[in-house]
Amino acid sequence: MEIVKFIYNEQEIEFQPFSQNVMVNATQMAKLFSKNLGHFTENKNTKIFIERCLNNRNSDYLNIKKKEDLIISQQKSGTWMHRV
């Protein structure tokens, strides 16, 4: 899988295709803004957003079927999120 690198404020943010979706390295993005990604993924509103993405109409439009199509955590490369 080819990783595409986007430069924002002289810092790299990686994008990569996972199956049929393009994912962004959210760990890199959060670091740019001095944010803790763990707080974001445990936030009540984030959980509601994920639930709504997974309802039938939205999931068909976004080409997602399960939570792992939205968020993937990998030990060495960080957390990847759907580009939604």
PDB file of N, CA and C in Angstrom:
ATOM      1  N   MET A   1       0.835  -1.180   0.000  1.00  0.00           N
ATOM      2  CA  MET A   1       0.000   0.000   0.000  1.00  0.00           C
ATOM      3  C   MET A   1       0.879   1.242   0.000  1.00  0.00           C
ATOM      4  N   GLU A   2       0.574   2.133  -0.880  1.00  0.00           N
ATOM      5  CA  GLU A   2       1.366   3.351  -1.007  1.00  0.00           C
ATOM      6  C   GLU A   2       0.930   4.395   0.025  1.00  0.00           C
ATOM      7  N   ILE A   3       1.897   4.939   0.730  1.00  0.00           N
ATOM      8  CA  ILE A   3       1.630   6.006   1.690  1.00  0.00           C
ATOM      9  C   ILE A   3       1.876   7.340   1.002  1.00  0.00           C
ATOM     10  N   VAL A   4       0.904   8.239   1.116  1.00  0.00           N
ATOM     11  CA  VAL A   4       1.026   9.584   0.570  1.00  0.00           C
ATOM     12  C   VAL A   4       1.307  10.517   1.737  1.00  0.00           C
ATOM     13  N   LYS A   5       2.301  11.364   1.588  1.00  0.00           N
ATOM     14  CA  LYS A   5       2.667  12.287   2.671  1.00  0.00           C
ATOM     15  C   LYS A   5       2.219  13.696   2.322  1.00  0.00           C
ATOM     16  N   PHE A   6       1.514  14.296   3.265  1.00  0.00           N
ATOM     17  CA  PHE A   6       1.031  15.664   3.137  1.00  0.00           C
ATOM     18  C   PHE A   6       1.814  16.500   4.140  1.00  0.00           C
ATOM     19  N   ILE A   7       2.292  17.649   3.721  1.00  0.00           N
ATOM     20  CA  ILE A   7       3.057  18.525   4.610  1.00  0.00           C
ATOM     21  C   ILE A   7       2.145  19.647   5.116  1.00  0.00           C
ATOM     22  N   TYR A   8       2.058  19.762   6.440  1.00  0.00           N
ATOM     23  CA  TYR A   8       1.278  20.824   7.077  1.00  0.00           C
ATOM     24  C   TYR A   8       2.176  21.466   8.126  1.00  0.00           C
ATOM     25  N   ASN A   9       2.379  22.759   8.017  1.00  0.00           N
ATOM     26  CA  ASN A   9       3.277  23.479   8.935  1.00  0.00           C
ATOM     27  C   ASN A   9       4.620  22.767   9.087  1.00  0.00           C
ATOM     28  N   GLU A  10       5.167  22.351   7.955  1.00  0.00           N
ATOM     29  CA  GLU A  10       6.468  21.699   7.883  1.00  0.00           C
ATOM     30  C   GLU A  10       6.523  20.344   8.597  1.00  0.00           C
ATOM     31  N   GLN A  11       5.368  19.740   8.848  1.00  0.00           N
ATOM     32  CA  GLN A  11       5.298  18.425   9.473  1.00  0.00           C
ATOM     33  C   GLN A  11       4.551  17.475   8.537  1.00  0.00           C
ATOM     34  N   GLU A  12       4.976  16.217   8.519  1.00  0.00           N
ATOM     35  CA  GLU A  12       4.342  15.222   7.656  1.00  0.00           C
ATOM     36  C   GLU A  12       3.115  14.608   8.310  1.00  0.00           C
ATOM     37  N   ILE A  13       2.079  14.424   7.508  1.00  0.00           N
ATOM     38  CA  ILE A  13       0.907  13.652   7.890  1.00  0.00           C
ATOM     39  C   ILE A  13       0.713  12.629   6.785  1.00  0.00           C
ATOM     40  N   GLU A  14       0.635  11.361   7.169  1.00  0.00           N
ATOM     41  CA  GLU A  14       0.547  10.302   6.187  1.00  0.00           C
ATOM     42  C   GLU A  14      -0.908   9.911   5.910  1.00  0.00           C
ATOM     43  N   PHE A  15      -1.183   9.631   4.644  1.00  0.00           N
ATOM     44  CA  PHE A  15      -2.460   9.103   4.194  1.00  0.00           C
ATOM     45  C   PHE A  15      -2.161   7.778   3.516  1.00  0.00           C
ATOM     46  N   GLN A  16      -3.035   6.798   3.741  1.00  0.00           N
ATOM     47  CA  GLN A  16      -2.802   5.490   3.164  1.00  0.00           C
ATOM     48  C   GLN A  16      -4.134   4.810   2.858  1.00  0.00           C
ATOM     49  N   PRO A  17      -4.201   4.129   1.707  1.00  0.00           N
ATOM     50  CA  PRO A  17      -5.414   3.357   1.437  1.00  0.00           C
ATOM     51  C   PRO A  17      -5.450   2.083   2.282  1.00  0.00           C
ATOM     52  N   PHE A  18      -6.547   1.847   2.975  1.00  0.00           N
ATOM     53  CA  PHE A  18      -6.810   0.606   3.694  1.00  0.00           C
ATOM     54  C   PHE A  18      -8.065   0.038   3.062  1.00  0.00           C
ATOM     55  N   SER A  19      -7.979  -1.125   2.477  1.00  0.00           N
ATOM     56  CA  SER A  19      -9.060  -1.734   1.689  1.00  0.00           C
ATOM     57  C   SER A  19      -9.568  -0.709   0.690  1.00  0.00           C
ATOM     58  N   GLN A  20     -10.823  -0.293   0.786  1.00  0.00           N
ATOM     59  CA  GLN A  20     -11.367   0.655  -0.194  1.00  0.00           C
ATOM     60  C   GLN A  20     -11.397   2.087   0.317  1.00  0.00           C
ATOM     61  N   ASN A  21     -10.912   2.341   1.526  1.00  0.00           N
ATOM     62  CA  ASN A  21     -10.972   3.668   2.127  1.00  0.00           C
ATOM     63  C   ASN A  21      -9.590   4.286   2.278  1.00  0.00           C
ATOM     64  N   VAL A  22      -9.545   5.599   2.248  1.00  0.00           N
ATOM     65  CA  VAL A  22      -8.302   6.322   2.506  1.00  0.00           C
ATOM     66  C   VAL A  22      -8.304   6.729   3.971  1.00  0.00           C
ATOM     67  N   MET A  23      -7.217   6.401   4.666  1.00  0.00           N
ATOM     68  CA  MET A  23      -7.101   6.700   6.086  1.00  0.00           C
ATOM     69  C   MET A  23      -5.984   7.722   6.303  1.00  0.00           C
ATOM     70  N   VAL A  24      -6.134   8.530   7.355  1.00  0.00           N
ATOM     71  CA  VAL A  24      -5.127   9.523   7.713  1.00  0.00           C
ATOM     72  C   VAL A  24      -4.500   9.103   9.044  1.00  0.00           C
ATOM     73  N   ASN A  25      -3.214   9.356   9.195  1.00  0.00           N
ATOM     74  CA  ASN A  25      -2.532   9.030  10.444  1.00  0.00           C
ATOM     75  C   ASN A  25      -2.919  10.083  11.482  1.00  0.00           C
ATOM     76  N   ALA A  26      -3.907   9.752  12.290  1.00  0.00           N
ATOM     77  CA  ALA A  26      -4.444  10.686  13.280  1.00  0.00           C
ATOM     78  C   ALA A  26      -3.453  10.956  14.406  1.00  0.00           C
ATOM     79  N   THR A  27      -2.568  10.019  14.675  1.00  0.00           N
ATOM     80  CA  THR A  27      -1.546  10.232  15.701  1.00  0.00           C
ATOM     81  C   THR A  27      -0.637  11.384  15.295  1.00  0.00           C
ATOM     82  N   GLN A  28      -0.216  11.392  14.034  1.00  0.00           N
ATOM     83  CA  GLN A  28       0.626  12.493  13.533  1.00  0.00           C
ATOM     84  C   GLN A  28      -0.146  13.815  13.553  1.00  0.00           C
ATOM     85  N   MET A  29      -1.407  13.768  13.156  1.00  0.00           N
ATOM     86  CA  MET A  29      -2.206  14.987  13.100  1.00  0.00           C
ATOM     87  C   MET A  29      -2.424  15.564  14.503  1.00  0.00           C
ATOM     88  N   ALA A  30      -2.731  14.716  15.472  1.00  0.00           N
ATOM     89  CA  ALA A  30      -2.943  15.186  16.841  1.00  0.00           C
ATOM     90  C   ALA A  30      -1.670  15.800  17.416  1.00  0.00           C
ATOM     91  N   LYS A  31      -0.543  15.186  17.111  1.00  0.00           N
ATOM     92  CA  LYS A  31       0.744  15.681  17.606  1.00  0.00           C
ATOM     93  C   LYS A  31       1.007  17.119  17.131  1.00  0.00           C
ATOM     94  N   LEU A  32       0.608  17.420  15.898  1.00  0.00           N
ATOM     95  CA  LEU A  32       0.795  18.778  15.361  1.00  0.00           C
ATOM     96  C   LEU A  32       0.094  19.835  16.204  1.00  0.00           C
ATOM     97  N   PHE A  33      -1.019  19.438  16.821  1.00  0.00           N
ATOM     98  CA  PHE A  33      -1.819  20.383  17.592  1.00  0.00           C
ATOM     99  C   PHE A  33      -1.687  20.156  19.099  1.00  0.00           C
ATOM    100  N   SER A  34      -0.667  19.388  19.489  1.00  0.00           N
ATOM    101  CA  SER A  34      -0.400  19.078  20.906  1.00  0.00           C
ATOM    102  C   SER A  34      -1.632  18.500  21.598  1.00  0.00           C
ATOM    103  N   LYS A  35      -2.312  17.584  20.924  1.00  0.00           N
ATOM    104  CA  LYS A  35      -3.513  16.952  21.465  1.00  0.00           C
ATOM    105  C   LYS A  35      -3.256  15.483  21.755  1.00  0.00           C
ATOM    106  N   ASN A  36      -4.023  14.939  22.688  1.00  0.00           N
ATOM    107  CA  ASN A  36      -3.941  13.533  23.055  1.00  0.00           C
ATOM    108  C   ASN A  36      -5.042  12.784  22.315  1.00  0.00           C
ATOM    109  N   LEU A  37      -4.662  11.906  21.434  1.00  0.00           N
ATOM    110  CA  LEU A  37      -5.624  11.171  20.621  1.00  0.00           C
ATOM    111  C   LEU A  37      -6.512  10.264  21.462  1.00  0.00           C
ATOM    112  N   GLY A  38      -5.986   9.741  22.551  1.00  0.00           N
ATOM    113  CA  GLY A  38      -6.784   8.888  23.437  1.00  0.00           C
ATOM    114  C   GLY A  38      -7.993   9.616  23.988  1.00  0.00           C
ATOM    115  N   HIS A  39      -7.827  10.877  24.326  1.00  0.00           N
ATOM    116  CA  HIS A  39      -8.955  11.669  24.825  1.00  0.00           C
ATOM    117  C   HIS A  39     -10.019  11.822  23.743  1.00  0.00           C
ATOM    118  N   PHE A  40      -9.601  12.011  22.517  1.00  0.00           N
ATOM    119  CA  PHE A  40     -10.545  12.182  21.413  1.00  0.00           C
ATOM    120  C   PHE A  40     -11.366  10.921  21.172  1.00  0.00           C
ATOM    121  N   THR A  41     -10.702   9.780  21.146  1.00  0.00           N
ATOM    122  CA  THR A  41     -11.416   8.534  20.839  1.00  0.00           C
ATOM    123  C   THR A  41     -12.338   8.094  21.971  1.00  0.00           C
ATOM    124  N   GLU A  42     -12.093   8.553  23.199  1.00  0.00           N
ATOM    125  CA  GLU A  42     -12.957   8.207  24.333  1.00  0.00           C
ATOM    126  C   GLU A  42     -14.041   9.250  24.592  1.00  0.00           C
ATOM    127  N   ASN A  43     -14.012  10.352  23.854  1.00  0.00           N
ATOM    128  CA  ASN A  43     -14.978  11.431  24.025  1.00  0.00           C
ATOM    129  C   ASN A  43     -16.390  10.961  23.668  1.00  0.00           C
ATOM    130  N   LYS A  44     -17.373  11.368  24.459  1.00  0.00           N
ATOM    131  CA  LYS A  44     -18.775  10.980  24.226  1.00  0.00           C
ATOM    132  C   LYS A  44     -19.240  11.376  22.827  1.00  0.00           C
ATOM    133  N   ASN A  45     -18.916  12.589  22.406  1.00  0.00           N
ATOM    134  CA  ASN A  45     -19.352  13.052  21.084  1.00  0.00           C
ATOM    135  C   ASN A  45     -18.687  12.284  19.948  1.00  0.00           C
ATOM    136  N   THR A  46     -17.441  11.869  20.142  1.00  0.00           N
ATOM    137  CA  THR A  46     -16.767  11.044  19.137  1.00  0.00           C
ATOM    138  C   THR A  46     -17.472   9.700  19.008  1.00  0.00           C
ATOM    139  N   LYS A  47     -17.839   9.114  20.129  1.00  0.00           N
ATOM    140  CA  LYS A  47     -18.551   7.833  20.101  1.00  0.00           C
ATOM    141  C   LYS A  47     -19.897   7.962  19.395  1.00  0.00           C
ATOM    142  N   ILE A  48     -20.604   9.060  19.632  1.00  0.00           N
ATOM    143  CA  ILE A  48     -21.884   9.307  18.944  1.00  0.00           C
ATOM    144  C   ILE A  48     -21.646   9.466  17.446  1.00  0.00           C
ATOM    145  N   PHE A  49     -20.603  10.205  17.070  1.00  0.00           N
ATOM    146  CA  PHE A  49     -20.264  10.386  15.655  1.00  0.00           C
ATOM    147  C   PHE A  49     -20.011   9.041  14.981  1.00  0.00           C
ATOM    148  N   ILE A  50     -19.249   8.174  15.645  1.00  0.00           N
ATOM    149  CA  ILE A  50     -18.954   6.850  15.093  1.00  0.00           C
ATOM    150  C   ILE A  50     -20.243   6.052  14.913  1.00  0.00           C
ATOM    151  N   GLU A  51     -21.116   6.073  15.914  1.00  0.00           N
ATOM    152  CA  GLU A  51     -22.397   5.366  15.808  1.00  0.00           C
ATOM    153  C   GLU A  51     -23.200   5.862  14.612  1.00  0.00           C
ATOM    154  N   ARG A  52     -23.225   7.167  14.421  1.00  0.00           N
ATOM    155  CA  ARG A  52     -24.003   7.734  13.313  1.00  0.00           C
ATOM    156  C   ARG A  52     -23.381   7.414  11.960  1.00  0.00           C
ATOM    157  N   CYS A  53     -22.055   7.337  11.908  1.00  0.00           N
ATOM    158  CA  CYS A  53     -21.402   6.937  10.660  1.00  0.00           C
ATOM    159  C   CYS A  53     -21.760   5.508  10.293  1.00  0.00           C
ATOM    160  N   LEU A  54     -22.007   4.693  11.309  1.00  0.00           N
ATOM    161  CA  LEU A  54     -22.276   3.286  11.071  1.00  0.00           C
ATOM    162  C   LEU A  54     -23.745   2.960  10.814  1.00  0.00           C
ATOM    163  N   ASN A  55     -24.635   3.971  10.869  1.00  0.00           N
ATOM    164  CA  ASN A  55     -26.021   3.639  10.541  1.00  0.00           C
ATOM    165  C   ASN A  55     -26.126   3.360   9.051  1.00  0.00           C
ATOM    166  N   ASN A  56     -27.159   2.664   8.636  1.00  0.00           N
ATOM    167  CA  ASN A  56     -27.245   2.138   7.268  1.00  0.00           C
ATOM    168  C   ASN A  56     -27.046   3.174   6.171  1.00  0.00           C
ATOM    169  N   ARG A  57     -27.725   4.288   6.233  1.00  0.00           N
ATOM    170  CA  ARG A  57     -27.574   5.296   5.171  1.00  0.00           C
ATOM    171  C   ARG A  57     -26.159   5.832   5.088  1.00  0.00           C
ATOM    172  N   ASN A  58     -25.616   6.196   6.227  1.00  0.00           N
ATOM    173  CA  ASN A  58     -24.274   6.776   6.238  1.00  0.00           C
ATOM    174  C   ASN A  58     -23.204   5.743   5.899  1.00  0.00           C
ATOM    175  N   SER A  59     -23.344   4.544   6.414  1.00  0.00           N
ATOM    176  CA  SER A  59     -22.310   3.536   6.164  1.00  0.00           C
ATOM    177  C   SER A  59     -22.240   3.171   4.681  1.00  0.00           C
ATOM    178  N   ASP A  60     -23.384   3.129   4.014  1.00  0.00           N
ATOM    179  CA  ASP A  60     -23.379   2.868   2.570  1.00  0.00           C
ATOM    180  C   ASP A  60     -22.682   4.002   1.817  1.00  0.00           C
ATOM    181  N   TYR A  61     -22.998   5.232   2.189  1.00  0.00           N
ATOM    182  CA  TYR A  61     -22.416   6.397   1.525  1.00  0.00           C
ATOM    183  C   TYR A  61     -20.897   6.466   1.756  1.00  0.00           C
ATOM    184  N   LEU A  62     -20.468   6.173   2.978  1.00  0.00           N
ATOM    185  CA  LEU A  62     -19.048   6.269   3.336  1.00  0.00           C
ATOM    186  C   LEU A  62     -18.263   5.007   3.002  1.00  0.00           C
ATOM    187  N   ASN A  63     -18.960   3.959   2.581  1.00  0.00           N
ATOM    188  CA  ASN A  63     -18.339   2.679   2.256  1.00  0.00           C
ATOM    189  C   ASN A  63     -17.664   2.057   3.485  1.00  0.00           C
ATOM    190  N   ILE A  64     -18.379   2.079   4.606  1.00  0.00           N
ATOM    191  CA  ILE A  64     -17.888   1.480   5.842  1.00  0.00           C
ATOM    192  C   ILE A  64     -18.941   0.517   6.384  1.00  0.00           C
ATOM    193  N   LYS A  65     -18.491  -0.508   7.073  1.00  0.00           N
ATOM    194  CA  LYS A  65     -19.414  -1.505   7.631  1.00  0.00           C
ATOM    195  C   LYS A  65     -19.234  -1.700   9.127  1.00  0.00           C
ATOM    196  N   LYS A  66     -18.024  -1.421   9.637  1.00  0.00           N
ATOM    197  CA  LYS A  66     -17.736  -1.654  11.049  1.00  0.00           C
ATOM    198  C   LYS A  66     -16.802  -0.560  11.569  1.00  0.00           C
ATOM    199  N   LYS A  67     -16.670  -0.490  12.888  1.00  0.00           N
ATOM    200  CA  LYS A  67     -15.847   0.552  13.511  1.00  0.00           C
ATOM    201  C   LYS A  67     -14.416   0.540  12.976  1.00  0.00           C
ATOM    202  N   GLU A  68     -13.889  -0.650  12.682  1.00  0.00           N
ATOM    203  CA  GLU A  68     -12.512  -0.769  12.197  1.00  0.00           C
ATOM    204  C   GLU A  68     -12.334  -0.139  10.817  1.00  0.00           C
ATOM    205  N   ASP A  69     -13.431   0.128  10.112  1.00  0.00           N
ATOM    206  CA  ASP A  69     -13.343   0.854   8.836  1.00  0.00           C
ATOM    207  C   ASP A  69     -13.146   2.345   9.076  1.00  0.00           C
ATOM    208  N   LEU A  70     -13.412   2.797  10.303  1.00  0.00           N
ATOM    209  CA  LEU A  70     -13.243   4.208  10.662  1.00  0.00           C
ATOM    210  C   LEU A  70     -11.948   4.467  11.418  1.00  0.00           C
ATOM    211  N   ILE A  71     -11.591   3.572  12.332  1.00  0.00           N
ATOM    212  CA  ILE A  71     -10.414   3.768  13.184  1.00  0.00           C
ATOM    213  C   ILE A  71      -9.619   2.466  13.249  1.00  0.00           C
ATOM    214  N   ILE A  72      -8.330   2.545  12.955  1.00  0.00           N
ATOM    215  CA  ILE A  72      -7.428   1.394  13.058  1.00  0.00           C
ATOM    216  C   ILE A  72      -6.237   1.824  13.910  1.00  0.00           C
ATOM    217  N   SER A  73      -5.976   1.098  14.978  1.00  0.00           N
ATOM    218  CA  SER A  73      -4.796   1.371  15.800  1.00  0.00           C
ATOM    219  C   SER A  73      -3.736   0.334  15.487  1.00  0.00           C
ATOM    220  N   GLN A  74      -2.538   0.826  15.177  1.00  0.00           N
ATOM    221  CA  GLN A  74      -1.419  -0.060  14.886  1.00  0.00           C
ATOM    222  C   GLN A  74      -0.277   0.272  15.822  1.00  0.00           C
ATOM    223  N   GLN A  75       0.329  -0.742  16.366  1.00  0.00           N
ATOM    224  CA  GLN A  75       1.356  -0.597  17.397  1.00  0.00           C
ATOM    225  C   GLN A  75       2.460   0.398  17.026  1.00  0.00           C
ATOM    226  N   LYS A  76       3.038   0.273  15.862  1.00  0.00           N
ATOM    227  CA  LYS A  76       4.210   1.096  15.541  1.00  0.00           C
ATOM    228  C   LYS A  76       3.893   2.348  14.736  1.00  0.00           C
ATOM    229  N   SER A  77       2.803   2.344  13.985  1.00  0.00           N
ATOM    230  CA  SER A  77       2.550   3.504  13.122  1.00  0.00           C
ATOM    231  C   SER A  77       1.474   4.438  13.658  1.00  0.00           C
ATOM    232  N   GLY A  78       0.797   4.071  14.737  1.00  0.00           N
ATOM    233  CA  GLY A  78      -0.183   4.967  15.335  1.00  0.00           C
ATOM    234  C   GLY A  78      -1.612   4.609  14.986  1.00  0.00           C
ATOM    235  N   THR A  79      -2.497   5.565  15.218  1.00  0.00           N
ATOM    236  CA  THR A  79      -3.916   5.386  14.960  1.00  0.00           C
ATOM    237  C   THR A  79      -4.270   6.027  13.631  1.00  0.00           C
ATOM    238  N   TRP A  80      -4.962   5.277  12.813  1.00  0.00           N
ATOM    239  CA  TRP A  80      -5.389   5.749  11.490  1.00  0.00           C
ATOM    240  C   TRP A  80      -6.896   5.913  11.517  1.00  0.00           C
ATOM    241  N   MET A  81      -7.376   7.010  10.932  1.00  0.00           N
ATOM    242  CA  MET A  81      -8.824   7.272  10.893  1.00  0.00           C
ATOM    243  C   MET A  81      -9.263   7.525   9.465  1.00  0.00           C
ATOM    244  N   HIS A  82     -10.507   7.147   9.211  1.00  0.00           N
ATOM    245  CA  HIS A  82     -11.134   7.390   7.907  1.00  0.00           C
ATOM    246  C   HIS A  82     -11.062   8.890   7.618  1.00  0.00           C
ATOM    247  N   ARG A  83     -10.878   9.253   6.402  1.00  0.00           N
ATOM    248  CA  ARG A  83     -10.718  10.661   6.014  1.00  0.00           C
ATOM    249  C   ARG A  83     -11.997  11.477   6.134  1.00  0.00           C
ATOM    250  N   VAL A  84     -13.128  10.881   6.583  1.00  0.00           N
ATOM    251  CA  VAL A  84     -14.407  11.573   6.705  1.00  0.00           C
ATOM    252  C   VAL A  84     -14.160  12.922   7.200  1.00  0.00           C
TER     253      VAL A  84
END
